[in-house]
Amino acid sequence: MNIYESAENYLETILILERRKGEVRSIDIAGELNFSKPSVSYAMKQFRENGYIHMDNDNFITLTPKGREIAERIYERHQLLTEYLMAIGVDEKNSRLDACRIEHVISPESFEKIKLQMKRFSD
């Protein structure tokens, strides 16, 4: 399943906001990502039309199974890569920034190997 990095960031942000706040609206996403409300509204329209989100009558956004799958995958990568980079001595700020870039381009094989390495670190 190929999806652009910006779309992955939007879906991950929806997941994070959902976990933090329980309910998500476009204005929440705009605030979190520091994007304009019209930009977010346009993106949400595209996500709705492509089956990644559902928007109810009160404009609350929920991830569809298809959207949640992508968001969960990217979020897991972000969390694990941040932890990995910190474990090898990168400071927290740079770890988070680098993980955000790496999470979109790392191969499944490389990610699984890092995941295994992290399990060894914790054992």
PDB file of N, CA and C in Angstrom:
ATOM      1  N   MET A   1       0.851  -1.170   0.000  1.00  0.00           N
ATOM      2  CA  MET A   1       0.000   0.000   0.000  1.00  0.00           C
ATOM      3  C   MET A   1       0.897   1.232   0.000  1.00  0.00           C
ATOM      4  N   ASN A   2       0.883   2.014  -1.055  1.00  0.00           N
ATOM      5  CA  ASN A   2       1.687   3.221  -1.147  1.00  0.00           C
ATOM      6  C   ASN A   2       0.835   4.439  -0.848  1.00  0.00           C
ATOM      7  N   ILE A   3       1.359   5.287   0.019  1.00  0.00           N
ATOM      8  CA  ILE A   3       0.688   6.531   0.372  1.00  0.00           C
ATOM      9  C   ILE A   3       1.791   7.550   0.639  1.00  0.00           C
ATOM     10  N   TYR A   4       1.544   8.792   0.306  1.00  0.00           N
ATOM     11  CA  TYR A   4       2.570   9.817   0.449  1.00  0.00           C
ATOM     12  C   TYR A   4       2.862  10.129   1.911  1.00  0.00           C
ATOM     13  N   GLU A   5       4.095  10.604   2.157  1.00  0.00           N
ATOM     14  CA  GLU A   5       4.549  10.934   3.507  1.00  0.00           C
ATOM     15  C   GLU A   5       3.606  11.912   4.205  1.00  0.00           C
ATOM     16  N   SER A   6       3.152  12.937   3.493  1.00  0.00           N
ATOM     17  CA  SER A   6       2.264  13.916   4.129  1.00  0.00           C
ATOM     18  C   SER A   6       0.958  13.262   4.574  1.00  0.00           C
ATOM     19  N   ALA A   7       0.448  12.339   3.780  1.00  0.00           N
ATOM     20  CA  ALA A   7      -0.781  11.626   4.151  1.00  0.00           C
ATOM     21  C   ALA A   7      -0.530  10.767   5.379  1.00  0.00           C
ATOM     22  N   GLU A   8       0.626  10.107   5.429  1.00  0.00           N
ATOM     23  CA  GLU A   8       0.960   9.304   6.608  1.00  0.00           C
ATOM     24  C   GLU A   8       1.030  10.184   7.850  1.00  0.00           C
ATOM     25  N   ASN A   9       1.601  11.372   7.707  1.00  0.00           N
ATOM     26  CA  ASN A   9       1.682  12.293   8.849  1.00  0.00           C
ATOM     27  C   ASN A   9       0.300  12.716   9.328  1.00  0.00           C
ATOM     28  N   TYR A  10      -0.593  13.005   8.396  1.00  0.00           N
ATOM     29  CA  TYR A  10      -1.962  13.361   8.770  1.00  0.00           C
ATOM     30  C   TYR A  10      -2.626  12.219   9.535  1.00  0.00           C
ATOM     31  N   LEU A  11      -2.539  11.011   8.998  1.00  0.00           N
ATOM     32  CA  LEU A  11      -3.198   9.868   9.638  1.00  0.00           C
ATOM     33  C   LEU A  11      -2.600   9.588  11.014  1.00  0.00           C
ATOM     34  N   GLU A  12      -1.279   9.672  11.123  1.00  0.00           N
ATOM     35  CA  GLU A  12      -0.625   9.482  12.418  1.00  0.00           C
ATOM     36  C   GLU A  12      -1.084  10.551  13.407  1.00  0.00           C
ATOM     37  N   THR A  13      -1.207  11.779  12.945  1.00  0.00           N
ATOM     38  CA  THR A  13      -1.653  12.872  13.812  1.00  0.00           C
ATOM     39  C   THR A  13      -3.075  12.647  14.295  1.00  0.00           C
ATOM     40  N   ILE A  14      -3.943  12.162  13.418  1.00  0.00           N
ATOM     41  CA  ILE A  14      -5.318  11.853  13.829  1.00  0.00           C
ATOM     42  C   ILE A  14      -5.293  10.798  14.939  1.00  0.00           C
ATOM     43  N   LEU A  15      -4.485   9.765  14.772  1.00  0.00           N
ATOM     44  CA  LEU A  15      -4.378   8.715  15.790  1.00  0.00           C
ATOM     45  C   LEU A  15      -3.879   9.285  17.118  1.00  0.00           C
ATOM     46  N   ILE A  16      -2.841  10.093  17.068  1.00  0.00           N
ATOM     47  CA  ILE A  16      -2.272  10.676  18.287  1.00  0.00           C
ATOM     48  C   ILE A  16      -3.300  11.567  18.995  1.00  0.00           C
ATOM     49  N   LEU A  17      -3.977  12.413  18.230  1.00  0.00           N
ATOM     50  CA  LEU A  17      -4.995  13.291  18.816  1.00  0.00           C
ATOM     51  C   LEU A  17      -6.162  12.496  19.387  1.00  0.00           C
ATOM     52  N   GLU A  18      -6.546  11.447  18.690  1.00  0.00           N
ATOM     53  CA  GLU A  18      -7.629  10.583  19.166  1.00  0.00           C
ATOM     54  C   GLU A  18      -7.262   9.988  20.525  1.00  0.00           C
ATOM     55  N   ARG A  19      -6.035   9.535  20.653  1.00  0.00           N
ATOM     56  CA  ARG A  19      -5.579   8.947  21.919  1.00  0.00           C
ATOM     57  C   ARG A  19      -5.477   9.999  23.022  1.00  0.00           C
ATOM     58  N   ARG A  20      -5.065  11.190  22.649  1.00  0.00           N
ATOM     59  CA  ARG A  20      -4.876  12.267  23.622  1.00  0.00           C
ATOM     60  C   ARG A  20      -6.190  12.897  24.038  1.00  0.00           C
ATOM     61  N   LYS A  21      -7.084  13.151  23.071  1.00  0.00           N
ATOM     62  CA  LYS A  21      -8.290  13.931  23.331  1.00  0.00           C
ATOM     63  C   LYS A  21      -9.586  13.135  23.271  1.00  0.00           C
ATOM     64  N   GLY A  22      -9.545  11.994  22.607  1.00  0.00           N
ATOM     65  CA  GLY A  22     -10.758  11.200  22.437  1.00  0.00           C
ATOM     66  C   GLY A  22     -11.528  11.542  21.175  1.00  0.00           C
ATOM     67  N   GLU A  23     -11.607  12.827  20.855  1.00  0.00           N
ATOM     68  CA  GLU A  23     -12.325  13.277  19.669  1.00  0.00           C
ATOM     69  C   GLU A  23     -11.404  14.181  18.858  1.00  0.00           C
ATOM     70  N   VAL A  24     -11.564  14.124  17.536  1.00  0.00           N
ATOM     71  CA  VAL A  24     -10.682  14.887  16.656  1.00  0.00           C
ATOM     72  C   VAL A  24     -11.513  15.639  15.625  1.00  0.00           C
ATOM     73  N   ARG A  25     -11.180  16.905  15.460  1.00  0.00           N
ATOM     74  CA  ARG A  25     -11.751  17.734  14.399  1.00  0.00           C
ATOM     75  C   ARG A  25     -10.617  18.302  13.564  1.00  0.00           C
ATOM     76  N   SER A  26     -10.961  18.821  12.398  1.00  0.00           N
ATOM     77  CA  SER A  26      -9.959  19.409  11.508  1.00  0.00           C
ATOM     78  C   SER A  26      -9.157  20.502  12.192  1.00  0.00           C
ATOM     79  N   ILE A  27      -9.800  21.304  13.008  1.00  0.00           N
ATOM     80  CA  ILE A  27      -9.115  22.403  13.688  1.00  0.00           C
ATOM     81  C   ILE A  27      -8.033  21.875  14.631  1.00  0.00           C
ATOM     82  N   ASP A  28      -8.275  20.700  15.220  1.00  0.00           N
ATOM     83  CA  ASP A  28      -7.276  20.081  16.100  1.00  0.00           C
ATOM     84  C   ASP A  28      -6.045  19.672  15.305  1.00  0.00           C
ATOM     85  N   ILE A  29      -6.279  19.124  14.135  1.00  0.00           N
ATOM     86  CA  ILE A  29      -5.182  18.689  13.267  1.00  0.00           C
ATOM     87  C   ILE A  29      -4.389  19.899  12.795  1.00  0.00           C
ATOM     88  N   ALA A  30      -5.104  20.956  12.396  1.00  0.00           N
ATOM     89  CA  ALA A  30      -4.439  22.184  11.951  1.00  0.00           C
ATOM     90  C   ALA A  30      -3.543  22.730  13.054  1.00  0.00           C
ATOM     91  N   GLY A  31      -4.046  22.748  14.270  1.00  0.00           N
ATOM     92  CA  GLY A  31      -3.258  23.241  15.397  1.00  0.00           C
ATOM     93  C   GLY A  31      -2.047  22.377  15.697  1.00  0.00           C
ATOM     94  N   GLU A  32      -2.232  21.078  15.649  1.00  0.00           N
ATOM     95  CA  GLU A  32      -1.147  20.143  15.952  1.00  0.00           C
ATOM     96  C   GLU A  32      -0.029  20.220  14.919  1.00  0.00           C
ATOM     97  N   LEU A  33      -0.402  20.325  13.654  1.00  0.00           N
ATOM     98  CA  LEU A  33       0.590  20.328  12.574  1.00  0.00           C
ATOM     99  C   LEU A  33       1.013  21.741  12.148  1.00  0.00           C
ATOM    100  N   ASN A  34       0.342  22.741  12.724  1.00  0.00           N
ATOM    101  CA  ASN A  34       0.604  24.132  12.361  1.00  0.00           C
ATOM    102  C   ASN A  34       0.338  24.375  10.872  1.00  0.00           C
ATOM    103  N   PHE A  35      -0.778  23.806  10.394  1.00  0.00           N
ATOM    104  CA  PHE A  35      -1.229  23.974   9.018  1.00  0.00           C
ATOM    105  C   PHE A  35      -2.463  24.872   9.025  1.00  0.00           C
ATOM    106  N   SER A  36      -2.785  25.437   7.874  1.00  0.00           N
ATOM    107  CA  SER A  36      -3.989  26.254   7.782  1.00  0.00           C
ATOM    108  C   SER A  36      -5.220  25.357   7.793  1.00  0.00           C
ATOM    109  N   LYS A  37      -6.318  25.892   8.294  1.00  0.00           N
ATOM    110  CA  LYS A  37      -7.576  25.147   8.340  1.00  0.00           C
ATOM    111  C   LYS A  37      -8.029  24.740   6.929  1.00  0.00           C
ATOM    112  N   PRO A  38      -7.926  25.635   5.916  1.00  0.00           N
ATOM    113  CA  PRO A  38      -8.322  25.212   4.566  1.00  0.00           C
ATOM    114  C   PRO A  38      -7.480  24.054   4.026  1.00  0.00           C
ATOM    115  N   SER A  39      -6.182  24.040   4.330  1.00  0.00           N
ATOM    116  CA  SER A  39      -5.327  22.935   3.875  1.00  0.00           C
ATOM    117  C   SER A  39      -5.768  21.618   4.496  1.00  0.00           C
ATOM    118  N   VAL A  40      -6.060  21.662   5.784  1.00  0.00           N
ATOM    119  CA  VAL A  40      -6.490  20.448   6.486  1.00  0.00           C
ATOM    120  C   VAL A  40      -7.863  20.013   5.979  1.00  0.00           C
ATOM    121  N   SER A  41      -8.766  20.955   5.767  1.00  0.00           N
ATOM    122  CA  SER A  41     -10.103  20.615   5.264  1.00  0.00           C
ATOM    123  C   SER A  41     -10.016  19.933   3.904  1.00  0.00           C
ATOM    124  N   TYR A  42      -9.150  20.443   3.036  1.00  0.00           N
ATOM    125  CA  TYR A  42      -8.964  19.828   1.722  1.00  0.00           C
ATOM    126  C   TYR A  42      -8.425  18.403   1.868  1.00  0.00           C
ATOM    127  N   ALA A  43      -7.423  18.232   2.732  1.00  0.00           N
ATOM    128  CA  ALA A  43      -6.846  16.896   2.942  1.00  0.00           C
ATOM    129  C   ALA A  43      -7.898  15.935   3.499  1.00  0.00           C
ATOM    130  N   MET A  44      -8.719  16.403   4.447  1.00  0.00           N
ATOM    131  CA  MET A  44      -9.735  15.531   5.038  1.00  0.00           C
ATOM    132  C   MET A  44     -10.761  15.116   3.995  1.00  0.00           C
ATOM    133  N   LYS A  45     -11.074  16.016   3.070  1.00  0.00           N
ATOM    134  CA  LYS A  45     -11.998  15.665   1.981  1.00  0.00           C
ATOM    135  C   LYS A  45     -11.397  14.533   1.140  1.00  0.00           C
ATOM    136  N   GLN A  46     -10.120  14.639   0.830  1.00  0.00           N
ATOM    137  CA  GLN A  46      -9.437  13.598   0.057  1.00  0.00           C
ATOM    138  C   GLN A  46      -9.420  12.271   0.815  1.00  0.00           C
ATOM    139  N   PHE A  47      -9.143  12.337   2.114  1.00  0.00           N
ATOM    140  CA  PHE A  47      -9.114  11.113   2.932  1.00  0.00           C
ATOM    141  C   PHE A  47     -10.493  10.461   3.002  1.00  0.00           C
ATOM    142  N   ARG A  48     -11.531  11.279   3.136  1.00  0.00           N
ATOM    143  CA  ARG A  48     -12.903  10.742   3.153  1.00  0.00           C
ATOM    144  C   ARG A  48     -13.207  10.036   1.840  1.00  0.00           C
ATOM    145  N   GLU A  49     -12.902  10.710   0.737  1.00  0.00           N
ATOM    146  CA  GLU A  49     -13.199  10.154  -0.585  1.00  0.00           C
ATOM    147  C   GLU A  49     -12.416   8.886  -0.873  1.00  0.00           C
ATOM    148  N   ASN A  50     -11.249   8.733  -0.244  1.00  0.00           N
ATOM    149  CA  ASN A  50     -10.415   7.551  -0.472  1.00  0.00           C
ATOM    150  C   ASN A  50     -10.552   6.494   0.620  1.00  0.00           C
ATOM    151  N   GLY A  51     -11.472   6.719   1.548  1.00  0.00           N
ATOM    152  CA  GLY A  51     -11.796   5.696   2.537  1.00  0.00           C
ATOM    153  C   GLY A  51     -10.831   5.568   3.713  1.00  0.00           C
ATOM    154  N   TYR A  52     -10.096   6.631   4.017  1.00  0.00           N
ATOM    155  CA  TYR A  52      -9.163   6.576   5.150  1.00  0.00           C
ATOM    156  C   TYR A  52      -9.765   7.101   6.443  1.00  0.00           C
ATOM    157  N   ILE A  53     -10.760   7.977   6.330  1.00  0.00           N
ATOM    158  CA  ILE A  53     -11.421   8.535   7.507  1.00  0.00           C
ATOM    159  C   ILE A  53     -12.927   8.566   7.292  1.00  0.00           C
ATOM    160  N   HIS A  54     -13.618   8.733   8.402  1.00  0.00           N
ATOM    161  CA  HIS A  54     -15.053   8.989   8.386  1.00  0.00           C
ATOM    162  C   HIS A  54     -15.261  10.290   9.160  1.00  0.00           C
ATOM    163  N   MET A  55     -16.158  11.136   8.691  1.00  0.00           N
ATOM    164  CA  MET A  55     -16.487  12.364   9.390  1.00  0.00           C
ATOM    165  C   MET A  55     -17.979  12.350   9.677  1.00  0.00           C
ATOM    166  N   ASP A  56     -18.344  12.495  10.956  1.00  0.00           N
ATOM    167  CA  ASP A  56     -19.767  12.442  11.305  1.00  0.00           C
ATOM    168  C   ASP A  56     -20.425  13.805  11.110  1.00  0.00           C
ATOM    169  N   ASN A  57     -21.701  13.903  11.464  1.00  0.00           N
ATOM    170  CA  ASN A  57     -22.476  15.135  11.258  1.00  0.00           C
ATOM    171  C   ASN A  57     -21.960  16.304  12.090  1.00  0.00           C
ATOM    172  N   ASP A  58     -21.245  16.016  13.173  1.00  0.00           N
ATOM    173  CA  ASP A  58     -20.663  17.067  14.017  1.00  0.00           C
ATOM    174  C   ASP A  58     -19.218  17.367  13.633  1.00  0.00           C
ATOM    175  N   ASN A  59     -18.788  16.817  12.491  1.00  0.00           N
ATOM    176  CA  ASN A  59     -17.428  17.017  11.958  1.00  0.00           C
ATOM    177  C   ASN A  59     -16.326  16.374  12.800  1.00  0.00           C
ATOM    178  N   PHE A  60     -16.676  15.361  13.571  1.00  0.00           N
ATOM    179  CA  PHE A  60     -15.658  14.600  14.281  1.00  0.00           C
ATOM    180  C   PHE A  60     -15.087  13.560  13.319  1.00  0.00           C
ATOM    181  N   ILE A  61     -13.780  13.407  13.375  1.00  0.00           N
ATOM    182  CA  ILE A  61     -13.063  12.536  12.439  1.00  0.00           C
ATOM    183  C   ILE A  61     -12.673  11.250  13.135  1.00  0.00           C
ATOM    184  N   THR A  62     -12.930  10.128  12.476  1.00  0.00           N
ATOM    185  CA  THR A  62     -12.451   8.838  12.956  1.00  0.00           C
ATOM    186  C   THR A  62     -11.750   8.130  11.800  1.00  0.00           C
ATOM    187  N   LEU A  63     -10.762   7.355  12.149  1.00  0.00           N
ATOM    188  CA  LEU A  63     -10.038   6.574  11.156  1.00  0.00           C
ATOM    189  C   LEU A  63     -10.852   5.349  10.764  1.00  0.00           C
ATOM    190  N   THR A  64     -10.885   5.037   9.503  1.00  0.00           N
ATOM    191  CA  THR A  64     -11.479   3.785   9.051  1.00  0.00           C
ATOM    192  C   THR A  64     -10.442   2.688   9.315  1.00  0.00           C
ATOM    193  N   PRO A  65     -10.807   1.424   9.210  1.00  0.00           N
ATOM    194  CA  PRO A  65      -9.795   0.368   9.375  1.00  0.00           C
ATOM    195  C   PRO A  65      -8.595   0.566   8.443  1.00  0.00           C
ATOM    196  N   LYS A  66      -8.849   0.981   7.227  1.00  0.00           N
ATOM    197  CA  LYS A  66      -7.786   1.228   6.251  1.00  0.00           C
ATOM    198  C   LYS A  66      -6.864   2.368   6.721  1.00  0.00           C
ATOM    199  N   GLY A  67      -7.443   3.454   7.208  1.00  0.00           N
ATOM    200  CA  GLY A  67      -6.665   4.582   7.708  1.00  0.00           C
ATOM    201  C   GLY A  67      -5.947   4.259   9.001  1.00  0.00           C
ATOM    202  N   ARG A  68      -6.618   3.504   9.882  1.00  0.00           N
ATOM    203  CA  ARG A  68      -6.018   3.132  11.172  1.00  0.00           C
ATOM    204  C   ARG A  68      -4.802   2.230  10.971  1.00  0.00           C
ATOM    205  N   GLU A  69      -4.876   1.337  10.009  1.00  0.00           N
ATOM    206  CA  GLU A  69      -3.752   0.435   9.737  1.00  0.00           C
ATOM    207  C   GLU A  69      -2.486   1.237   9.405  1.00  0.00           C
ATOM    208  N   ILE A  70      -2.640   2.231   8.557  1.00  0.00           N
ATOM    209  CA  ILE A  70      -1.495   3.062   8.180  1.00  0.00           C
ATOM    210  C   ILE A  70      -1.022   3.885   9.375  1.00  0.00           C
ATOM    211  N   ALA A  71      -1.955   4.513  10.077  1.00  0.00           N
ATOM    212  CA  ALA A  71      -1.606   5.355  11.221  1.00  0.00           C
ATOM    213  C   ALA A  71      -0.878   4.555  12.298  1.00  0.00           C
ATOM    214  N   GLU A  72      -1.370   3.364  12.599  1.00  0.00           N
ATOM    215  CA  GLU A  72      -0.741   2.518  13.626  1.00  0.00           C
ATOM    216  C   GLU A  72       0.668   2.095  13.195  1.00  0.00           C
ATOM    217  N   ARG A  73       0.830   1.760  11.918  1.00  0.00           N
ATOM    218  CA  ARG A  73       2.143   1.349  11.426  1.00  0.00           C
ATOM    219  C   ARG A  73       3.147   2.496  11.542  1.00  0.00           C
ATOM    220  N   ILE A  74       2.751   3.677  11.133  1.00  0.00           N
ATOM    221  CA  ILE A  74       3.648   4.829  11.183  1.00  0.00           C
ATOM    222  C   ILE A  74       3.935   5.213  12.632  1.00  0.00           C
ATOM    223  N   TYR A  75       2.927   5.179  13.474  1.00  0.00           N
ATOM    224  CA  TYR A  75       3.113   5.525  14.890  1.00  0.00           C
ATOM    225  C   TYR A  75       4.065   4.533  15.573  1.00  0.00           C
ATOM    226  N   GLU A  76       3.896   3.250  15.281  1.00  0.00           N
ATOM    227  CA  GLU A  76       4.797   2.246  15.856  1.00  0.00           C
ATOM    228  C   GLU A  76       6.234   2.516  15.416  1.00  0.00           C
ATOM    229  N   ARG A  77       6.416   2.792  14.148  1.00  0.00           N
ATOM    230  CA  ARG A  77       7.752   3.095  13.636  1.00  0.00           C
ATOM    231  C   ARG A  77       8.334   4.313  14.340  1.00  0.00           C
ATOM    232  N   HIS A  78       7.526   5.350  14.461  1.00  0.00           N
ATOM    233  CA  HIS A  78       7.998   6.584  15.094  1.00  0.00           C
ATOM    234  C   HIS A  78       8.453   6.320  16.531  1.00  0.00           C
ATOM    235  N   GLN A  79       7.624   5.623  17.280  1.00  0.00           N
ATOM    236  CA  GLN A  79       7.941   5.344  18.684  1.00  0.00           C
ATOM    237  C   GLN A  79       9.212   4.501  18.806  1.00  0.00           C
ATOM    238  N   LEU A  80       9.265   3.409  18.055  1.00  0.00           N
ATOM    239  CA  LEU A  80      10.392   2.492  18.159  1.00  0.00           C
ATOM    240  C   LEU A  80      11.693   3.125  17.660  1.00  0.00           C
ATOM    241  N   LEU A  81      11.623   3.848  16.552  1.00  0.00           N
ATOM    242  CA  LEU A  81      12.825   4.493  16.023  1.00  0.00           C
ATOM    243  C   LEU A  81      13.334   5.571  16.975  1.00  0.00           C
ATOM    244  N   THR A  82      12.430   6.297  17.608  1.00  0.00           N
ATOM    245  CA  THR A  82      12.837   7.291  18.607  1.00  0.00           C
ATOM    246  C   THR A  82      13.569   6.607  19.752  1.00  0.00           C
ATOM    247  N   GLU A  83      12.988   5.536  20.260  1.00  0.00           N
ATOM    248  CA  GLU A  83      13.616   4.786  21.355  1.00  0.00           C
ATOM    249  C   GLU A  83      14.971   4.225  20.934  1.00  0.00           C
ATOM    250  N   TYR A  84      15.048   3.696  19.740  1.00  0.00           N
ATOM    251  CA  TYR A  84      16.291   3.121  19.235  1.00  0.00           C
ATOM    252  C   TYR A  84      17.390   4.178  19.152  1.00  0.00           C
ATOM    253  N   LEU A  85      17.058   5.307  18.556  1.00  0.00           N
ATOM    254  CA  LEU A  85      18.055   6.366  18.415  1.00  0.00           C
ATOM    255  C   LEU A  85      18.522   6.876  19.780  1.00  0.00           C
ATOM    256  N   MET A  86      17.607   6.981  20.715  1.00  0.00           N
ATOM    257  CA  MET A  86      17.989   7.405  22.068  1.00  0.00           C
ATOM    258  C   MET A  86      18.860   6.336  22.731  1.00  0.00           C
ATOM    259  N   ALA A  87      18.549   5.064  22.495  1.00  0.00           N
ATOM    260  CA  ALA A  87      19.322   3.969  23.093  1.00  0.00           C
ATOM    261  C   ALA A  87      20.765   3.937  22.593  1.00  0.00           C
ATOM    262  N   ILE A  88      20.987   4.428  21.374  1.00  0.00           N
ATOM    263  CA  ILE A  88      22.361   4.432  20.856  1.00  0.00           C
ATOM    264  C   ILE A  88      23.049   5.778  21.073  1.00  0.00           C
ATOM    265  N   GLY A  89      22.397   6.659  21.864  1.00  0.00           N
ATOM    266  CA  GLY A  89      23.070   7.871  22.293  1.00  0.00           C
ATOM    267  C   GLY A  89      22.655   9.175  21.638  1.00  0.00           C
ATOM    268  N   VAL A  90      21.655   9.155  20.769  1.00  0.00           N
ATOM    269  CA  VAL A  90      21.180  10.394  20.153  1.00  0.00           C
ATOM    270  C   VAL A  90      20.263  11.094  21.154  1.00  0.00           C
ATOM    271  N   ASP A  91      20.390  12.427  21.273  1.00  0.00           N
ATOM    272  CA  ASP A  91      19.545  13.137  22.236  1.00  0.00           C
ATOM    273  C   ASP A  91      18.070  13.046  21.817  1.00  0.00           C
ATOM    274  N   GLU A  92      17.191  13.279  22.793  1.00  0.00           N
ATOM    275  CA  GLU A  92      15.761  13.059  22.572  1.00  0.00           C
ATOM    276  C   GLU A  92      15.197  13.918  21.441  1.00  0.00           C
ATOM    277  N   LYS A  93      15.552  15.189  21.396  1.00  0.00           N
ATOM    278  CA  LYS A  93      15.013  16.080  20.364  1.00  0.00           C
ATOM    279  C   LYS A  93      15.396  15.583  18.969  1.00  0.00           C
ATOM    280  N   ASN A  94      16.674  15.279  18.765  1.00  0.00           N
ATOM    281  CA  ASN A  94      17.112  14.788  17.462  1.00  0.00           C
ATOM    282  C   ASN A  94      16.545  13.409  17.162  1.00  0.00           C
ATOM    283  N   SER A  95      16.394  12.588  18.184  1.00  0.00           N
ATOM    284  CA  SER A  95      15.804  11.260  17.985  1.00  0.00           C
ATOM    285  C   SER A  95      14.395  11.370  17.431  1.00  0.00           C
ATOM    286  N   ARG A  96      13.601  12.264  18.010  1.00  0.00           N
ATOM    287  CA  ARG A  96      12.217  12.444  17.550  1.00  0.00           C
ATOM    288  C   ARG A  96      12.168  12.993  16.126  1.00  0.00           C
ATOM    289  N   LEU A  97      12.993  13.984  15.853  1.00  0.00           N
ATOM    290  CA  LEU A  97      13.017  14.583  14.517  1.00  0.00           C
ATOM    291  C   LEU A  97      13.476  13.578  13.460  1.00  0.00           C
ATOM    292  N   ASP A  98      14.553  12.860  13.762  1.00  0.00           N
ATOM    293  CA  ASP A  98      15.063  11.876  12.805  1.00  0.00           C
ATOM    294  C   ASP A  98      14.088  10.720  12.608  1.00  0.00           C
ATOM    295  N   ALA A  99      13.481  10.264  13.696  1.00  0.00           N
ATOM    296  CA  ALA A  99      12.511   9.169  13.596  1.00  0.00           C
ATOM    297  C   ALA A  99      11.354   9.565  12.689  1.00  0.00           C
ATOM    298  N   CYS A 100      10.937  10.820  12.772  1.00  0.00           N
ATOM    299  CA  CYS A 100       9.830  11.309  11.948  1.00  0.00           C
ATOM    300  C   CYS A 100      10.182  11.249  10.462  1.00  0.00           C
ATOM    301  N   ARG A 101      11.428  11.438  10.142  1.00  0.00           N
ATOM    302  CA  ARG A 101      11.850  11.354   8.732  1.00  0.00           C
ATOM    303  C   ARG A 101      12.031   9.898   8.302  1.00  0.00           C
ATOM    304  N   ILE A 102      12.681   9.121   9.151  1.00  0.00           N
ATOM    305  CA  ILE A 102      13.024   7.735   8.822  1.00  0.00           C
ATOM    306  C   ILE A 102      11.774   6.856   8.699  1.00  0.00           C
ATOM    307  N   GLU A 103      10.770   7.120   9.526  1.00  0.00           N
ATOM    308  CA  GLU A 103       9.585   6.251   9.591  1.00  0.00           C
ATOM    309  C   GLU A 103       8.891   6.086   8.247  1.00  0.00           C
ATOM    310  N   HIS A 104       9.077   7.034   7.350  1.00  0.00           N
ATOM    311  CA  HIS A 104       8.388   6.996   6.060  1.00  0.00           C
ATOM    312  C   HIS A 104       9.162   6.254   4.977  1.00  0.00           C
ATOM    313  N   VAL A 105      10.448   6.068   5.181  1.00  0.00           N
ATOM    314  CA  VAL A 105      11.271   5.503   4.108  1.00  0.00           C
ATOM    315  C   VAL A 105      11.939   4.174   4.461  1.00  0.00           C
ATOM    316  N   ILE A 106      11.910   3.808   5.711  1.00  0.00           N
ATOM    317  CA  ILE A 106      12.586   2.576   6.117  1.00  0.00           C
ATOM    318  C   ILE A 106      11.847   1.362   5.549  1.00  0.00           C
ATOM    319  N   SER A 107      12.615   0.384   5.110  1.00  0.00           N
ATOM    320  CA  SER A 107      12.000  -0.830   4.569  1.00  0.00           C
ATOM    321  C   SER A 107      11.427  -1.677   5.710  1.00  0.00           C
ATOM    322  N   PRO A 108      10.432  -2.490   5.399  1.00  0.00           N
ATOM    323  CA  PRO A 108       9.905  -3.386   6.429  1.00  0.00           C
ATOM    324  C   PRO A 108      10.993  -4.289   7.018  1.00  0.00           C
ATOM    325  N   GLU A 109      11.910  -4.768   6.180  1.00  0.00           N
ATOM    326  CA  GLU A 109      12.979  -5.637   6.660  1.00  0.00           C
ATOM    327  C   GLU A 109      13.872  -4.912   7.671  1.00  0.00           C
ATOM    328  N   SER A 110      14.309  -3.712   7.322  1.00  0.00           N
ATOM    329  CA  SER A 110      15.174  -2.949   8.229  1.00  0.00           C
ATOM    330  C   SER A 110      14.451  -2.630   9.533  1.00  0.00           C
ATOM    331  N   PHE A 111      13.181  -2.265   9.425  1.00  0.00           N
ATOM    332  CA  PHE A 111      12.426  -1.952  10.638  1.00  0.00           C
ATOM    333  C   PHE A 111      12.319  -3.179  11.542  1.00  0.00           C
ATOM    334  N   GLU A 112      12.049  -4.334  10.957  1.00  0.00           N
ATOM    335  CA  GLU A 112      11.956  -5.561  11.761  1.00  0.00           C
ATOM    336  C   GLU A 112      13.273  -5.885  12.449  1.00  0.00           C
ATOM    337  N   LYS A 113      14.397  -5.636  11.772  1.00  0.00           N
ATOM    338  CA  LYS A 113      15.711  -5.898  12.372  1.00  0.00           C
ATOM    339  C   LYS A 113      15.961  -4.945  13.543  1.00  0.00           C
ATOM    340  N   ILE A 114      15.566  -3.692  13.394  1.00  0.00           N
ATOM    341  CA  ILE A 114      15.702  -2.734  14.504  1.00  0.00           C
ATOM    342  C   ILE A 114      14.801  -3.150  15.654  1.00  0.00           C
ATOM    343  N   LYS A 115      13.610  -3.611  15.340  1.00  0.00           N
ATOM    344  CA  LYS A 115      12.667  -4.080  16.352  1.00  0.00           C
ATOM    345  C   LYS A 115      13.270  -5.247  17.148  1.00  0.00           C
ATOM    346  N   LEU A 116      13.891  -6.194  16.435  1.00  0.00           N
ATOM    347  CA  LEU A 116      14.558  -7.320  17.104  1.00  0.00           C
ATOM    348  C   LEU A 116      15.705  -6.840  17.980  1.00  0.00           C
ATOM    349  N   GLN A 117      16.469  -5.887  17.475  1.00  0.00           N
ATOM    350  CA  GLN A 117      17.588  -5.342  18.250  1.00  0.00           C
ATOM    351  C   GLN A 117      17.082  -4.669  19.526  1.00  0.00           C
ATOM    352  N   MET A 118      15.997  -3.947  19.431  1.00  0.00           N
ATOM    353  CA  MET A 118      15.428  -3.289  20.604  1.00  0.00           C
ATOM    354  C   MET A 118      14.957  -4.309  21.637  1.00  0.00           C
ATOM    355  N   LYS A 119      14.431  -5.441  21.188  1.00  0.00           N
ATOM    356  CA  LYS A 119      14.035  -6.501  22.118  1.00  0.00           C
ATOM    357  C   LYS A 119      15.265  -7.039  22.852  1.00  0.00           C
ATOM    358  N   ARG A 120      16.380  -7.158  22.140  1.00  0.00           N
ATOM    359  CA  ARG A 120      17.621  -7.607  22.770  1.00  0.00           C
ATOM    360  C   ARG A 120      18.111  -6.611  23.792  1.00  0.00           C
ATOM    361  N   PHE A 121      17.951  -5.309  23.499  1.00  0.00           N
ATOM    362  CA  PHE A 121      18.359  -4.254  24.444  1.00  0.00           C
ATOM    363  C   PHE A 121      17.575  -4.385  25.751  1.00  0.00           C
ATOM    364  N   SER A 122      16.288  -4.718  25.642  1.00  0.00           N
ATOM    365  CA  SER A 122      15.448  -4.748  26.829  1.00  0.00           C
ATOM    366  C   SER A 122      15.517  -6.060  27.602  1.00  0.00           C
ATOM    367  N   ASP A 123      16.083  -7.102  26.978  1.00  0.00           N
ATOM    368  CA  ASP A 123      16.199  -8.402  27.676  1.00  0.00           C
ATOM    369  C   ASP A 123      17.356  -8.429  28.656  1.00  0.00           C
TER     370      ASP A 123
END
